[in-house]
Amino acid sequence: MNVLLIRANRNEDDRAALAQRGLTSTIDPYLTISMVANPQGAERLLTILENNELTWLAVTSVNAFEMWSRQVDAVRLSAALGDVERVRIAAVGSSTAQAMRPFGVTDVLVPDRFDSADLATQLRGTSPTTVVIPTGTRSMKTLPNELRVRGIHVVEETFYDTQAVNDEPPSVASIAGGAIDAVLFRSPSAAHAFASFVGTPPPHVALIAAGHTTAKHMSVAGLVATAIASNPLPETVASTIAEVLEKG
């Protein structure tokens, strides 16, 4: 059984988890990620963390944090994130939290459901004065919107862009030829990119969503999720895919 992995990067963990389940995988990105040069915005977020009292850094994307961190002084960022009297840190999931470890971050609030809505609920309970959010051009607005309606000051800056690849991915032909048994979707952008290249795939191809938000956007794009993983951890997603394929 062959599973198609289409995210722009970081497909290796999914490939390893699938291999442990005896499943092969094809990595063929349908998306591309690029940095948005925003040095003023990068400095703005860092300065807020350095100077404001009881500020939360909320990270909903590994790409957002990495692209932001490349545009500021690493020593200053590590110092700001390590100031536990002034700064608190939240991440939408464990993988996102791990992306901050090179800067000495170990104490991170991670919601149980690994989604922005649950993260917003938990952040509201901490009564933050300010929440800073590094983001992307297509990032979902669930978290900042939920916080703003509660009167919480939110500062966002954009540091990366997501686009569909220019040329048709080789796996489009593989899908039509019956060589792909399942496709993993880890973001709304992936769902829309896939639909733009493939349209409706053959009925035998299982479409697996790594979360409910992605599943909703799959529906908007004309795709029906065969199954939705209970959380986006690679092991959980691989287990979901294996169960679906075993049932045929």
C-alpha atoms as a PDB file:
ATOM      1  CA  MET A   1       0.000   0.000   0.000  1.00  0.00           C
ATOM      2  CA  ASN A   2       1.354   3.391  -1.024  1.00  0.00           C
ATOM      3  CA  VAL A   3       0.516   6.643   0.789  1.00  0.00           C
ATOM      4  CA  LEU A   4       1.046  10.017  -0.884  1.00  0.00           C
ATOM      5  CA  LEU A   5       2.557  12.779   1.289  1.00  0.00           C
ATOM      6  CA  ILE A   6       2.019  16.216  -0.246  1.00  0.00           C
ATOM      7  CA  ARG A   7       3.002  18.856   2.319  1.00  0.00           C
ATOM      8  CA  ALA A   8       5.747  21.315   1.372  1.00  0.00           C
ATOM      9  CA  ASN A   9       8.309  19.990   3.874  1.00  0.00           C
ATOM     10  CA  ARG A  10       8.829  17.825   6.981  1.00  0.00           C
ATOM     11  CA  ASN A  11       7.304  14.682   5.456  1.00  0.00           C
ATOM     12  CA  GLU A  12       9.993  12.435   6.918  1.00  0.00           C
ATOM     13  CA  ASP A  13       8.271  11.819  10.274  1.00  0.00           C
ATOM     14  CA  ASP A  14       5.109  10.671   8.512  1.00  0.00           C
ATOM     15  CA  ARG A  15       7.146   8.422   6.232  1.00  0.00           C
ATOM     16  CA  ALA A  16       8.866   6.812   9.236  1.00  0.00           C
ATOM     17  CA  ALA A  17       5.585   6.280  11.093  1.00  0.00           C
ATOM     18  CA  LEU A  18       3.981   4.738   8.017  1.00  0.00           C
ATOM     19  CA  ALA A  19       6.968   2.443   7.514  1.00  0.00           C
ATOM     20  CA  GLN A  20       6.516   1.137  11.052  1.00  0.00           C
ATOM     21  CA  ARG A  21       3.015   0.150   9.979  1.00  0.00           C
ATOM     22  CA  GLY A  22       4.369  -1.642   6.922  1.00  0.00           C
ATOM     23  CA  LEU A  23       3.199   1.055   4.518  1.00  0.00           C
ATOM     24  CA  THR A  24       5.274   2.608   1.768  1.00  0.00           C
ATOM     25  CA  SER A  25       5.003   6.297   0.941  1.00  0.00           C
ATOM     26  CA  THR A  26       5.628   8.698  -1.903  1.00  0.00           C
ATOM     27  CA  ILE A  27       6.740  12.240  -1.074  1.00  0.00           C
ATOM     28  CA  ASP A  28       5.586  14.668  -3.744  1.00  0.00           C
ATOM     29  CA  PRO A  29       4.937  18.219  -2.477  1.00  0.00           C
ATOM     30  CA  TYR A  30       1.921  20.014  -3.906  1.00  0.00           C
ATOM     31  CA  LEU A  31       2.885  23.159  -1.989  1.00  0.00           C
ATOM     32  CA  THR A  32       5.897  25.404  -1.737  1.00  0.00           C
ATOM     33  CA  ILE A  33       6.911  27.538   1.252  1.00  0.00           C
ATOM     34  CA  SER A  34       8.879  30.770   0.951  1.00  0.00           C
ATOM     35  CA  MET A  35      10.021  33.367   3.459  1.00  0.00           C
ATOM     36  CA  VAL A  36       8.302  36.739   3.563  1.00  0.00           C
ATOM     37  CA  ALA A  37      10.985  39.315   4.322  1.00  0.00           C
ATOM     38  CA  ASN A  38       9.576  41.324   7.207  1.00  0.00           C
ATOM     39  CA  PRO A  39      12.467  42.607   9.345  1.00  0.00           C
ATOM     40  CA  GLN A  40      10.412  45.406  10.879  1.00  0.00           C
ATOM     41  CA  GLY A  41       7.650  43.006  11.869  1.00  0.00           C
ATOM     42  CA  ALA A  42      10.193  40.533  13.219  1.00  0.00           C
ATOM     43  CA  GLU A  43      11.754  43.229  15.376  1.00  0.00           C
ATOM     44  CA  ARG A  44       8.318  44.404  16.502  1.00  0.00           C
ATOM     45  CA  LEU A  45       7.360  40.992  17.909  1.00  0.00           C
ATOM     46  CA  LEU A  46      10.724  40.521  19.589  1.00  0.00           C
ATOM     47  CA  THR A  47      10.617  43.979  21.169  1.00  0.00           C
ATOM     48  CA  ILE A  48       7.171  43.282  22.609  1.00  0.00           C
ATOM     49  CA  LEU A  49       8.441  40.061  24.175  1.00  0.00           C
ATOM     50  CA  GLU A  50      11.442  41.881  25.618  1.00  0.00           C
ATOM     51  CA  ASN A  51       9.528  44.800  27.116  1.00  0.00           C
ATOM     52  CA  ASN A  52       5.878  43.986  27.831  1.00  0.00           C
ATOM     53  CA  GLU A  53       4.622  42.358  31.009  1.00  0.00           C
ATOM     54  CA  LEU A  54       2.855  38.982  30.904  1.00  0.00           C
ATOM     55  CA  THR A  55       3.036  38.480  27.161  1.00  0.00           C
ATOM     56  CA  TRP A  56       2.232  35.207  25.443  1.00  0.00           C
ATOM     57  CA  LEU A  57       3.948  33.994  22.296  1.00  0.00           C
ATOM     58  CA  ALA A  58       1.459  31.753  20.483  1.00  0.00           C
ATOM     59  CA  VAL A  59       2.929  29.622  17.702  1.00  0.00           C
ATOM     60  CA  THR A  60       0.539  27.830  15.362  1.00  0.00           C
ATOM     61  CA  SER A  61       3.053  26.846  12.682  1.00  0.00           C
ATOM     62  CA  VAL A  62       6.602  25.524  12.632  1.00  0.00           C
ATOM     63  CA  ASN A  63       7.157  27.460   9.412  1.00  0.00           C
ATOM     64  CA  ALA A  64       6.011  30.712  11.014  1.00  0.00           C
ATOM     65  CA  PHE A  65       8.368  30.375  13.962  1.00  0.00           C
ATOM     66  CA  GLU A  66      11.336  29.293  11.856  1.00  0.00           C
ATOM     67  CA  MET A  67      10.900  32.090   9.299  1.00  0.00           C
ATOM     68  CA  TRP A  68      10.513  34.662  12.080  1.00  0.00           C
ATOM     69  CA  SER A  69      13.515  33.396  14.032  1.00  0.00           C
ATOM     70  CA  ARG A  70      15.718  33.721  10.942  1.00  0.00           C
ATOM     71  CA  GLN A  71      14.952  37.449  10.811  1.00  0.00           C
ATOM     72  CA  VAL A  72      15.936  38.357  14.382  1.00  0.00           C
ATOM     73  CA  ASP A  73      19.042  38.044  16.522  1.00  0.00           C
ATOM     74  CA  ALA A  74      19.145  34.497  17.907  1.00  0.00           C
ATOM     75  CA  VAL A  75      20.739  35.535  21.208  1.00  0.00           C
ATOM     76  CA  ARG A  76      18.074  38.147  21.871  1.00  0.00           C
ATOM     77  CA  LEU A  77      15.296  35.731  20.938  1.00  0.00           C
ATOM     78  CA  SER A  78      16.643  33.020  23.247  1.00  0.00           C
ATOM     79  CA  ALA A  79      16.912  35.534  26.083  1.00  0.00           C
ATOM     80  CA  ALA A  80      13.364  36.784  25.549  1.00  0.00           C
ATOM     81  CA  LEU A  81      11.884  33.284  25.385  1.00  0.00           C
ATOM     82  CA  GLY A  82      13.793  32.321  28.515  1.00  0.00           C
ATOM     83  CA  ASP A  83      12.394  35.215  30.577  1.00  0.00           C
ATOM     84  CA  VAL A  84       9.729  33.168  32.362  1.00  0.00           C
ATOM     85  CA  GLU A  85       8.734  36.111  34.576  1.00  0.00           C
ATOM     86  CA  ARG A  86       7.675  38.122  31.541  1.00  0.00           C
ATOM     87  CA  VAL A  87       6.942  35.697  28.700  1.00  0.00           C
ATOM     88  CA  ARG A  88       4.752  32.607  28.419  1.00  0.00           C
ATOM     89  CA  ILE A  89       4.774  30.343  25.372  1.00  0.00           C
ATOM     90  CA  ALA A  90       2.007  28.338  23.722  1.00  0.00           C
ATOM     91  CA  ALA A  91       2.015  26.084  20.667  1.00  0.00           C
ATOM     92  CA  VAL A  92      -0.772  24.430  18.727  1.00  0.00           C
ATOM     93  CA  GLY A  93       0.912  21.016  18.873  1.00  0.00           C
ATOM     94  CA  SER A  94       3.901  19.060  20.100  1.00  0.00           C
ATOM     95  CA  SER A  95       5.815  19.347  16.813  1.00  0.00           C
ATOM     96  CA  THR A  96       5.444  23.112  16.916  1.00  0.00           C
ATOM     97  CA  ALA A  97       6.631  23.160  20.521  1.00  0.00           C
ATOM     98  CA  GLN A  98       9.701  21.108  19.593  1.00  0.00           C
ATOM     99  CA  ALA A  99      10.679  23.679  16.958  1.00  0.00           C
ATOM    100  CA  MET A 100      11.443  26.132  19.767  1.00  0.00           C
ATOM    101  CA  ARG A 101      13.757  23.841  21.720  1.00  0.00           C
ATOM    102  CA  PRO A 102      16.927  25.112  19.972  1.00  0.00           C
ATOM    103  CA  PHE A 103      16.171  28.434  21.693  1.00  0.00           C
ATOM    104  CA  GLY A 104      16.023  26.804  25.105  1.00  0.00           C
ATOM    105  CA  VAL A 105      12.235  26.589  25.296  1.00  0.00           C
ATOM    106  CA  THR A 106      10.914  23.629  27.288  1.00  0.00           C
ATOM    107  CA  ASP A 107       7.829  24.938  29.111  1.00  0.00           C
ATOM    108  CA  VAL A 108       5.113  25.235  26.465  1.00  0.00           C
ATOM    109  CA  LEU A 109       1.340  25.236  26.798  1.00  0.00           C
ATOM    110  CA  VAL A 110      -0.047  22.724  24.276  1.00  0.00           C
ATOM    111  CA  PRO A 111      -3.818  22.145  23.987  1.00  0.00           C
ATOM    112  CA  ASP A 112      -5.211  18.643  24.285  1.00  0.00           C
ATOM    113  CA  ARG A 113      -6.854  18.716  20.858  1.00  0.00           C
ATOM    114  CA  PHE A 114      -3.899  20.233  18.976  1.00  0.00           C
ATOM    115  CA  ASP A 115      -5.976  22.914  17.242  1.00  0.00           C
ATOM    116  CA  SER A 116      -6.238  26.700  17.305  1.00  0.00           C
ATOM    117  CA  ALA A 117      -9.737  26.804  18.788  1.00  0.00           C
ATOM    118  CA  ASP A 118      -8.682  24.746  21.808  1.00  0.00           C
ATOM    119  CA  LEU A 119      -5.507  26.808  22.154  1.00  0.00           C
ATOM    120  CA  ALA A 120      -7.590  30.001  22.169  1.00  0.00           C
ATOM    121  CA  THR A 121      -9.777  28.589  24.939  1.00  0.00           C
ATOM    122  CA  GLN A 122      -6.779  27.756  27.104  1.00  0.00           C
ATOM    123  CA  LEU A 123      -5.097  31.109  26.481  1.00  0.00           C
ATOM    124  CA  ARG A 124      -8.231  33.016  27.444  1.00  0.00           C
ATOM    125  CA  GLY A 125      -8.103  31.306  30.817  1.00  0.00           C
ATOM    126  CA  THR A 126      -4.654  32.770  31.548  1.00  0.00           C
ATOM    127  CA  SER A 127      -5.835  36.410  31.268  1.00  0.00           C
ATOM    128  CA  PRO A 128      -2.967  37.545  29.023  1.00  0.00           C
ATOM    129  CA  THR A 129      -2.360  41.241  28.413  1.00  0.00           C
ATOM    130  CA  THR A 130      -0.838  40.703  24.966  1.00  0.00           C
ATOM    131  CA  VAL A 131      -0.485  37.723  22.615  1.00  0.00           C
ATOM    132  CA  VAL A 132       2.023  37.872  19.753  1.00  0.00           C
ATOM    133  CA  ILE A 133       1.586  35.486  16.828  1.00  0.00           C
ATOM    134  CA  PRO A 134       4.050  34.923  13.979  1.00  0.00           C
ATOM    135  CA  THR A 135       1.975  33.852  11.020  1.00  0.00           C
ATOM    136  CA  GLY A 136       1.792  33.093   7.294  1.00  0.00           C
ATOM    137  CA  THR A 137      -0.128  34.585   4.396  1.00  0.00           C
ATOM    138  CA  ARG A 138      -2.669  31.746   4.468  1.00  0.00           C
ATOM    139  CA  SER A 139      -2.735  31.027   8.188  1.00  0.00           C
ATOM    140  CA  MET A 140      -6.126  30.425   9.740  1.00  0.00           C
ATOM    141  CA  LYS A 141      -7.530  33.320  11.778  1.00  0.00           C
ATOM    142  CA  THR A 142      -9.273  31.199  14.405  1.00  0.00           C
ATOM    143  CA  LEU A 143      -6.807  31.946  17.200  1.00  0.00           C
ATOM    144  CA  PRO A 144      -6.411  35.729  16.802  1.00  0.00           C
ATOM    145  CA  ASN A 145     -10.121  36.227  16.156  1.00  0.00           C
ATOM    146  CA  GLU A 146     -11.145  34.212  19.220  1.00  0.00           C
ATOM    147  CA  LEU A 147      -8.759  36.211  21.393  1.00  0.00           C
ATOM    148  CA  ARG A 148      -9.736  39.615  20.024  1.00  0.00           C
ATOM    149  CA  VAL A 149     -13.449  39.109  20.640  1.00  0.00           C
ATOM    150  CA  ARG A 150     -12.514  38.588  24.300  1.00  0.00           C
ATOM    151  CA  GLY A 151     -10.729  41.937  24.377  1.00  0.00           C
ATOM    152  CA  ILE A 152      -7.204  40.505  24.344  1.00  0.00           C
ATOM    153  CA  HIS A 153      -4.553  42.552  22.530  1.00  0.00           C
ATOM    154  CA  VAL A 154      -3.166  40.484  19.643  1.00  0.00           C
ATOM    155  CA  VAL A 155      -0.153  41.414  17.509  1.00  0.00           C
ATOM    156  CA  GLU A 156       0.402  39.441  14.293  1.00  0.00           C
ATOM    157  CA  GLU A 157       3.185  39.609  11.736  1.00  0.00           C
ATOM    158  CA  THR A 158       3.566  37.560   8.545  1.00  0.00           C
ATOM    159  CA  PHE A 159       6.799  35.690   7.797  1.00  0.00           C
ATOM    160  CA  TYR A 160       6.052  33.014   5.201  1.00  0.00           C
ATOM    161  CA  ASP A 161       3.957  32.366   2.130  1.00  0.00           C
ATOM    162  CA  THR A 162       2.334  29.132   0.961  1.00  0.00           C
ATOM    163  CA  GLN A 163       1.513  28.506  -2.680  1.00  0.00           C
ATOM    164  CA  ALA A 164       0.680  25.534  -4.862  1.00  0.00           C
ATOM    165  CA  VAL A 165       3.644  24.352  -6.923  1.00  0.00           C
ATOM    166  CA  ASN A 166       3.788  25.715 -10.457  1.00  0.00           C
ATOM    167  CA  ASP A 167       4.100  22.438 -12.351  1.00  0.00           C
ATOM    168  CA  GLU A 168       1.786  19.458 -12.110  1.00  0.00           C
ATOM    169  CA  PRO A 169       3.199  17.020  -9.529  1.00  0.00           C
ATOM    170  CA  PRO A 170       4.291  13.650 -10.979  1.00  0.00           C
ATOM    171  CA  SER A 171       1.990  11.820  -8.576  1.00  0.00           C
ATOM    172  CA  VAL A 172      -1.091  13.141 -10.395  1.00  0.00           C
ATOM    173  CA  ALA A 173      -0.419  10.530 -13.071  1.00  0.00           C
ATOM    174  CA  SER A 174       0.297   7.926 -10.384  1.00  0.00           C
ATOM    175  CA  ILE A 175      -3.108   8.547  -8.825  1.00  0.00           C
ATOM    176  CA  ALA A 176      -4.855   8.146 -12.164  1.00  0.00           C
ATOM    177  CA  GLY A 177      -2.853   4.980 -12.812  1.00  0.00           C
ATOM    178  CA  GLY A 178      -3.853   3.335  -9.533  1.00  0.00           C
ATOM    179  CA  ALA A 179      -0.419   3.531  -7.886  1.00  0.00           C
ATOM    180  CA  ILE A 180      -1.608   5.583  -4.889  1.00  0.00           C
ATOM    181  CA  ASP A 181      -3.849   4.071  -2.202  1.00  0.00           C
ATOM    182  CA  ALA A 182      -4.166   6.998   0.209  1.00  0.00           C
ATOM    183  CA  VAL A 183      -3.353  10.698   0.458  1.00  0.00           C
ATOM    184  CA  LEU A 184      -2.544  12.521   3.696  1.00  0.00           C
ATOM    185  CA  PHE A 185      -3.732  16.109   4.126  1.00  0.00           C
ATOM    186  CA  ARG A 186      -2.132  18.173   6.892  1.00  0.00           C
ATOM    187  CA  SER A 187      -3.448  21.637   6.061  1.00  0.00           C
ATOM    188  CA  PRO A 188      -6.289  23.431   4.293  1.00  0.00           C
ATOM    189  CA  SER A 189      -3.761  24.693   1.734  1.00  0.00           C
ATOM    190  CA  ALA A 190      -2.817  21.118   0.878  1.00  0.00           C
ATOM    191  CA  ALA A 191      -6.460  20.232   0.292  1.00  0.00           C
ATOM    192  CA  HIS A 192      -7.006  23.127  -2.092  1.00  0.00           C
ATOM    193  CA  ALA A 193      -3.747  22.484  -3.961  1.00  0.00           C
ATOM    194  CA  PHE A 194      -4.565  18.792  -4.365  1.00  0.00           C
ATOM    195  CA  ALA A 195      -8.046  19.559  -5.652  1.00  0.00           C
ATOM    196  CA  SER A 196      -6.649  22.044  -8.164  1.00  0.00           C
ATOM    197  CA  PHE A 197      -4.358  19.416  -9.688  1.00  0.00           C
ATOM    198  CA  VAL A 198      -6.341  16.200  -9.262  1.00  0.00           C
ATOM    199  CA  GLY A 199      -9.982  17.171  -8.931  1.00  0.00           C
ATOM    200  CA  THR A 200     -11.903  14.165  -7.638  1.00  0.00           C
ATOM    201  CA  PRO A 201      -9.566  11.173  -7.233  1.00  0.00           C
ATOM    202  CA  PRO A 202     -10.591   7.584  -8.059  1.00  0.00           C
ATOM    203  CA  PRO A 203     -12.929   6.024  -5.455  1.00  0.00           C
ATOM    204  CA  HIS A 204     -10.314   3.573  -4.184  1.00  0.00           C
ATOM    205  CA  VAL A 205      -8.011   6.390  -2.974  1.00  0.00           C
ATOM    206  CA  ALA A 206      -8.489   7.065   0.749  1.00  0.00           C
ATOM    207  CA  LEU A 207      -8.289  10.742   1.708  1.00  0.00           C
ATOM    208  CA  ILE A 208      -7.044  11.165   5.274  1.00  0.00           C
ATOM    209  CA  ALA A 209      -7.281  14.443   7.198  1.00  0.00           C
ATOM    210  CA  ALA A 210      -4.883  15.115  10.063  1.00  0.00           C
ATOM    211  CA  GLY A 211      -7.508  17.252  11.817  1.00  0.00           C
ATOM    212  CA  HIS A 212     -11.080  18.507  11.692  1.00  0.00           C
ATOM    213  CA  THR A 213     -10.184  21.951  10.332  1.00  0.00           C
ATOM    214  CA  THR A 214      -8.401  20.368   7.386  1.00  0.00           C
ATOM    215  CA  ALA A 215     -11.344  18.013   6.837  1.00  0.00           C
ATOM    216  CA  LYS A 216     -13.710  20.992   6.624  1.00  0.00           C
ATOM    217  CA  HIS A 217     -11.541  22.633   3.996  1.00  0.00           C
ATOM    218  CA  MET A 218     -11.322  19.374   2.088  1.00  0.00           C
ATOM    219  CA  SER A 219     -15.099  19.492   1.847  1.00  0.00           C
ATOM    220  CA  VAL A 220     -14.974  23.086   0.595  1.00  0.00           C
ATOM    221  CA  ALA A 221     -12.496  21.943  -2.069  1.00  0.00           C
ATOM    222  CA  GLY A 222     -14.849  19.167  -3.167  1.00  0.00           C
ATOM    223  CA  LEU A 223     -13.018  16.353  -1.382  1.00  0.00           C
ATOM    224  CA  VAL A 224     -14.537  13.946   1.130  1.00  0.00           C
ATOM    225  CA  ALA A 225     -12.338  12.826   4.012  1.00  0.00           C
ATOM    226  CA  THR A 226     -12.353   9.060   4.337  1.00  0.00           C
ATOM    227  CA  ALA A 227     -11.148   9.393   7.924  1.00  0.00           C
ATOM    228  CA  ILE A 228      -9.969  12.075  10.351  1.00  0.00           C
ATOM    229  CA  ALA A 229      -7.102  11.344  12.728  1.00  0.00           C
ATOM    230  CA  SER A 230      -7.835  12.044  16.390  1.00  0.00           C
ATOM    231  CA  ASN A 231      -4.661  14.144  16.565  1.00  0.00           C
ATOM    232  CA  PRO A 232      -1.951  15.138  14.069  1.00  0.00           C
ATOM    233  CA  LEU A 233       0.915  13.160  15.616  1.00  0.00           C
ATOM    234  CA  PRO A 234       2.611  11.057  12.915  1.00  0.00           C
ATOM    235  CA  GLU A 235       2.024   7.846  14.867  1.00  0.00           C
ATOM    236  CA  THR A 236      -1.688   8.566  15.251  1.00  0.00           C
ATOM    237  CA  VAL A 237      -2.085   9.552  11.620  1.00  0.00           C
ATOM    238  CA  ALA A 238      -0.218   6.448  10.438  1.00  0.00           C
ATOM    239  CA  SER A 239      -2.443   4.276  12.612  1.00  0.00           C
ATOM    240  CA  THR A 240      -5.560   5.895  11.135  1.00  0.00           C
ATOM    241  CA  ILE A 241      -4.320   5.347   7.589  1.00  0.00           C
ATOM    242  CA  ALA A 242      -3.392   1.728   8.295  1.00  0.00           C
ATOM    243  CA  GLU A 243      -6.829   0.997   9.752  1.00  0.00           C
ATOM    244  CA  VAL A 244      -8.571   2.513   6.735  1.00  0.00           C
ATOM    245  CA  LEU A 245      -6.449   0.586   4.243  1.00  0.00           C
ATOM    246  CA  GLU A 246      -6.838  -2.678   6.152  1.00  0.00           C
ATOM    247  CA  LYS A 247     -10.613  -2.349   5.902  1.00  0.00           C
ATOM    248  CA  GLY A 248     -10.276  -1.821   2.165  1.00  0.00           C
END
